[in-house]
Amino acid sequence: MPKMKTAVFVAPGRIVLDEKPIPDVGPLNALVRITTTTSAAPTSTS
């Protein structure tokens, strides 16, 4: 089965990169490919 790269949120502030099988897409589902993302550094409120 083909695999895709995933970003898994495992805890607040912690993201793990992993590979998962590409899921089957049914008639009422959508499979979306993300090509570009951005991330902002956390900011302090004090």
PDB file of N, CA and C in Angstrom:
ATOM      1  N   MET A   1       0.849  -1.185   0.000  1.00  0.00           N
ATOM      2  CA  MET A   1       0.000   0.000   0.000  1.00  0.00           C
ATOM      3  C   MET A   1       0.888   1.239   0.000  1.00  0.00           C
ATOM      4  N   PRO A   2       0.577   2.229  -0.848  1.00  0.00           N
ATOM      5  CA  PRO A   2       1.383   3.459  -0.868  1.00  0.00           C
ATOM      6  C   PRO A   2       1.260   4.212   0.457  1.00  0.00           C
ATOM      7  N   LYS A   3       2.312   4.965   0.778  1.00  0.00           N
ATOM      8  CA  LYS A   3       2.329   5.720   2.037  1.00  0.00           C
ATOM      9  C   LYS A   3       2.413   7.212   1.769  1.00  0.00           C
ATOM     10  N   MET A   4       1.995   7.991   2.772  1.00  0.00           N
ATOM     11  CA  MET A   4       2.082   9.446   2.701  1.00  0.00           C
ATOM     12  C   MET A   4       2.772   9.945   3.955  1.00  0.00           C
ATOM     13  N   LYS A   5       3.410  11.104   3.859  1.00  0.00           N
ATOM     14  CA  LYS A   5       4.036  11.719   5.026  1.00  0.00           C
ATOM     15  C   LYS A   5       2.955  12.463   5.797  1.00  0.00           C
ATOM     16  N   THR A   6       3.004  12.357   7.125  1.00  0.00           N
ATOM     17  CA  THR A   6       2.007  13.010   7.962  1.00  0.00           C
ATOM     18  C   THR A   6       2.683  13.789   9.083  1.00  0.00           C
ATOM     19  N   ALA A   7       2.010  14.825   9.539  1.00  0.00           N
ATOM     20  CA  ALA A   7       2.409  15.563  10.738  1.00  0.00           C
ATOM     21  C   ALA A   7       1.356  15.243  11.786  1.00  0.00           C
ATOM     22  N   VAL A   8       1.755  14.562  12.853  1.00  0.00           N
ATOM     23  CA  VAL A   8       0.823  14.105  13.877  1.00  0.00           C
ATOM     24  C   VAL A   8       0.999  14.958  15.127  1.00  0.00           C
ATOM     25  N   PHE A   9      -0.073  15.591  15.586  1.00  0.00           N
ATOM     26  CA  PHE A   9      -0.046  16.383  16.813  1.00  0.00           C
ATOM     27  C   PHE A   9      -0.208  15.411  17.975  1.00  0.00           C
ATOM     28  N   VAL A  10       0.873  15.171  18.735  1.00  0.00           N
ATOM     29  CA  VAL A  10       0.841  14.183  19.812  1.00  0.00           C
ATOM     30  C   VAL A  10       0.642  14.807  21.185  1.00  0.00           C
ATOM     31  N   ALA A  11       0.920  16.093  21.322  1.00  0.00           N
ATOM     32  CA  ALA A  11       0.749  16.810  22.588  1.00  0.00           C
ATOM     33  C   ALA A  11       0.821  18.299  22.275  1.00  0.00           C
ATOM     34  N   PRO A  12       0.336  19.129  23.176  1.00  0.00           N
ATOM     35  CA  PRO A  12       0.446  20.571  22.922  1.00  0.00           C
ATOM     36  C   PRO A  12       1.898  20.980  22.663  1.00  0.00           C
ATOM     37  N   GLY A  13       2.139  21.616  21.515  1.00  0.00           N
ATOM     38  CA  GLY A  13       3.477  22.057  21.160  1.00  0.00           C
ATOM     39  C   GLY A  13       4.387  20.962  20.634  1.00  0.00           C
ATOM     40  N   ARG A  14       3.860  19.752  20.412  1.00  0.00           N
ATOM     41  CA  ARG A  14       4.698  18.637  19.932  1.00  0.00           C
ATOM     42  C   ARG A  14       4.068  17.986  18.704  1.00  0.00           C
ATOM     43  N   ILE A  15       4.793  18.056  17.594  1.00  0.00           N
ATOM     44  CA  ILE A  15       4.367  17.466  16.322  1.00  0.00           C
ATOM     45  C   ILE A  15       5.412  16.432  15.914  1.00  0.00           C
ATOM     46  N   VAL A  16       4.951  15.254  15.523  1.00  0.00           N
ATOM     47  CA  VAL A  16       5.844  14.179  15.088  1.00  0.00           C
ATOM     48  C   VAL A  16       5.595  13.917  13.606  1.00  0.00           C
ATOM     49  N   LEU A  17       6.667  13.846  12.809  1.00  0.00           N
ATOM     50  CA  LEU A  17       6.544  13.489  11.398  1.00  0.00           C
ATOM     51  C   LEU A  17       6.551  11.971  11.287  1.00  0.00           C
ATOM     52  N   ASP A  18       5.626  11.434  10.488  1.00  0.00           N
ATOM     53  CA  ASP A  18       5.463   9.988  10.390  1.00  0.00           C
ATOM     54  C   ASP A  18       5.028   9.650   8.966  1.00  0.00           C
ATOM     55  N   GLU A  19       5.014   8.368   8.638  1.00  0.00           N
ATOM     56  CA  GLU A  19       4.465   7.896   7.368  1.00  0.00           C
ATOM     57  C   GLU A  19       3.303   6.977   7.681  1.00  0.00           C
ATOM     58  N   LYS A  20       2.186   7.205   6.986  1.00  0.00           N
ATOM     59  CA  LYS A  20       0.968   6.423   7.178  1.00  0.00           C
ATOM     60  C   LYS A  20       0.485   5.930   5.824  1.00  0.00           C
ATOM     61  N   PRO A  21      -0.275   4.839   5.805  1.00  0.00           N
ATOM     62  CA  PRO A  21      -0.851   4.391   4.532  1.00  0.00           C
ATOM     63  C   PRO A  21      -1.832   5.433   3.999  1.00  0.00           C
ATOM     64  N   ILE A  22      -1.867   5.610   2.688  1.00  0.00           N
ATOM     65  CA  ILE A  22      -2.830   6.520   2.078  1.00  0.00           C
ATOM     66  C   ILE A  22      -4.211   5.880   2.219  1.00  0.00           C
ATOM     67  N   PRO A  23      -5.172   6.587   2.831  1.00  0.00           N
ATOM     68  CA  PRO A  23      -6.483   5.981   3.064  1.00  0.00           C
ATOM     69  C   PRO A  23      -7.296   5.857   1.777  1.00  0.00           C
ATOM     70  N   ASP A  24      -8.224   4.901   1.785  1.00  0.00           N
ATOM     71  CA  ASP A  24      -9.180   4.805   0.681  1.00  0.00           C
ATOM     72  C   ASP A  24     -10.152   5.966   0.804  1.00  0.00           C
ATOM     73  N   VAL A  25     -10.530   6.537  -0.327  1.00  0.00           N
ATOM     74  CA  VAL A  25     -11.438   7.677  -0.329  1.00  0.00           C
ATOM     75  C   VAL A  25     -12.791   7.210  -0.852  1.00  0.00           C
ATOM     76  N   GLY A  26     -13.825   7.407  -0.033  1.00  0.00           N
ATOM     77  CA  GLY A  26     -15.183   7.032  -0.426  1.00  0.00           C
ATOM     78  C   GLY A  26     -15.860   8.151  -1.183  1.00  0.00           C
ATOM     79  N   PRO A  27     -17.096   7.921  -1.631  1.00  0.00           N
ATOM     80  CA  PRO A  27     -17.804   8.918  -2.443  1.00  0.00           C
ATOM     81  C   PRO A  27     -18.140  10.210  -1.692  1.00  0.00           C
ATOM     82  N   LEU A  28     -18.173  10.173  -0.362  1.00  0.00           N
ATOM     83  CA  LEU A  28     -18.495  11.365   0.424  1.00  0.00           C
ATOM     84  C   LEU A  28     -17.270  11.919   1.145  1.00  0.00           C
ATOM     85  N   ASN A  29     -16.054  11.466   0.767  1.00  0.00           N
ATOM     86  CA  ASN A  29     -14.812  11.904   1.393  1.00  0.00           C
ATOM     87  C   ASN A  29     -13.964  12.696   0.409  1.00  0.00           C
ATOM     88  N   ALA A  30     -12.965  13.388   0.953  1.00  0.00           N
ATOM     89  CA  ALA A  30     -11.998  14.097   0.121  1.00  0.00           C
ATOM     90  C   ALA A  30     -10.610  13.843   0.687  1.00  0.00           C
ATOM     91  N   LEU A  31      -9.642  13.612  -0.168  1.00  0.00           N
ATOM     92  CA  LEU A  31      -8.247  13.477   0.210  1.00  0.00           C
ATOM     93  C   LEU A  31      -7.539  14.730  -0.290  1.00  0.00           C
ATOM     94  N   VAL A  32      -6.950  15.502   0.622  1.00  0.00           N
ATOM     95  CA  VAL A  32      -6.365  16.802   0.291  1.00  0.00           C
ATOM     96  C   VAL A  32      -4.851  16.720   0.420  1.00  0.00           C
ATOM     97  N   ARG A  33      -4.139  17.217  -0.587  1.00  0.00           N
ATOM     98  CA  ARG A  33      -2.681  17.272  -0.545  1.00  0.00           C
ATOM     99  C   ARG A  33      -2.264  18.681  -0.155  1.00  0.00           C
ATOM    100  N   ILE A  34      -1.501  18.808   0.922  1.00  0.00           N
ATOM    101  CA  ILE A  34      -0.988  20.099   1.373  1.00  0.00           C
ATOM    102  C   ILE A  34       0.449  20.209   0.867  1.00  0.00           C
ATOM    103  N   THR A  35       0.748  21.271   0.121  1.00  0.00           N
ATOM    104  CA  THR A  35       2.097  21.416  -0.442  1.00  0.00           C
ATOM    105  C   THR A  35       2.934  22.435   0.295  1.00  0.00           C
ATOM    106  N   THR A  36       2.289  23.410   0.963  1.00  0.00           N
ATOM    107  CA  THR A  36       3.033  24.456   1.658  1.00  0.00           C
ATOM    108  C   THR A  36       2.305  24.797   2.962  1.00  0.00           C
ATOM    109  N   THR A  37       3.074  24.930   4.031  1.00  0.00           N
ATOM    110  CA  THR A  37       2.493  25.349   5.308  1.00  0.00           C
ATOM    111  C   THR A  37       3.400  26.390   5.943  1.00  0.00           C
ATOM    112  N   THR A  38       2.859  27.095   6.915  1.00  0.00           N
ATOM    113  CA  THR A  38       3.658  28.037   7.698  1.00  0.00           C
ATOM    114  C   THR A  38       3.370  27.794   9.167  1.00  0.00           C
ATOM    115  N   SER A  39       4.268  28.235  10.000  1.00  0.00           N
ATOM    116  CA  SER A  39       4.089  28.061  11.431  1.00  0.00           C
ATOM    117  C   SER A  39       4.598  29.314  12.123  1.00  0.00           C
ATOM    118  N   ALA A  40       3.848  29.774  13.083  1.00  0.00           N
ATOM    119  CA  ALA A  40       4.260  30.949  13.858  1.00  0.00           C
ATOM    120  C   ALA A  40       4.840  30.479  15.191  1.00  0.00           C
ATOM    121  N   ALA A  41       5.861  31.162  15.640  1.00  0.00           N
ATOM    122  CA  ALA A  41       6.455  30.827  16.934  1.00  0.00           C
ATOM    123  C   ALA A  41       5.476  31.215  18.041  1.00  0.00           C
ATOM    124  N   PRO A  42       5.427  30.434  19.111  1.00  0.00           N
ATOM    125  CA  PRO A  42       4.546  30.799  20.226  1.00  0.00           C
ATOM    126  C   PRO A  42       4.932  32.157  20.809  1.00  0.00           C
ATOM    127  N   THR A  43       3.943  32.888  21.246  1.00  0.00           N
ATOM    128  CA  THR A  43       4.210  34.198  21.840  1.00  0.00           C
ATOM    129  C   THR A  43       3.773  34.195  23.306  1.00  0.00           C
ATOM    130  N   SER A  44       4.415  35.008  24.084  1.00  0.00           N
ATOM    131  CA  SER A  44       4.096  35.119  25.501  1.00  0.00           C
ATOM    132  C   SER A  44       3.052  36.208  25.682  1.00  0.00           C
ATOM    133  N   THR A  45       2.117  35.985  26.610  1.00  0.00           N
ATOM    134  CA  THR A  45       1.075  36.979  26.873  1.00  0.00           C
ATOM    135  C   THR A  45       1.413  37.846  28.081  1.00  0.00           C
ATOM    136  N   SER A  46       2.552  37.626  28.709  1.00  0.00           N
ATOM    137  CA  SER A  46       2.884  38.420  29.891  1.00  0.00           C
ATOM    138  C   SER A  46       3.773  39.586  29.549  1.00  0.00           C
TER     139      SER A  46
END
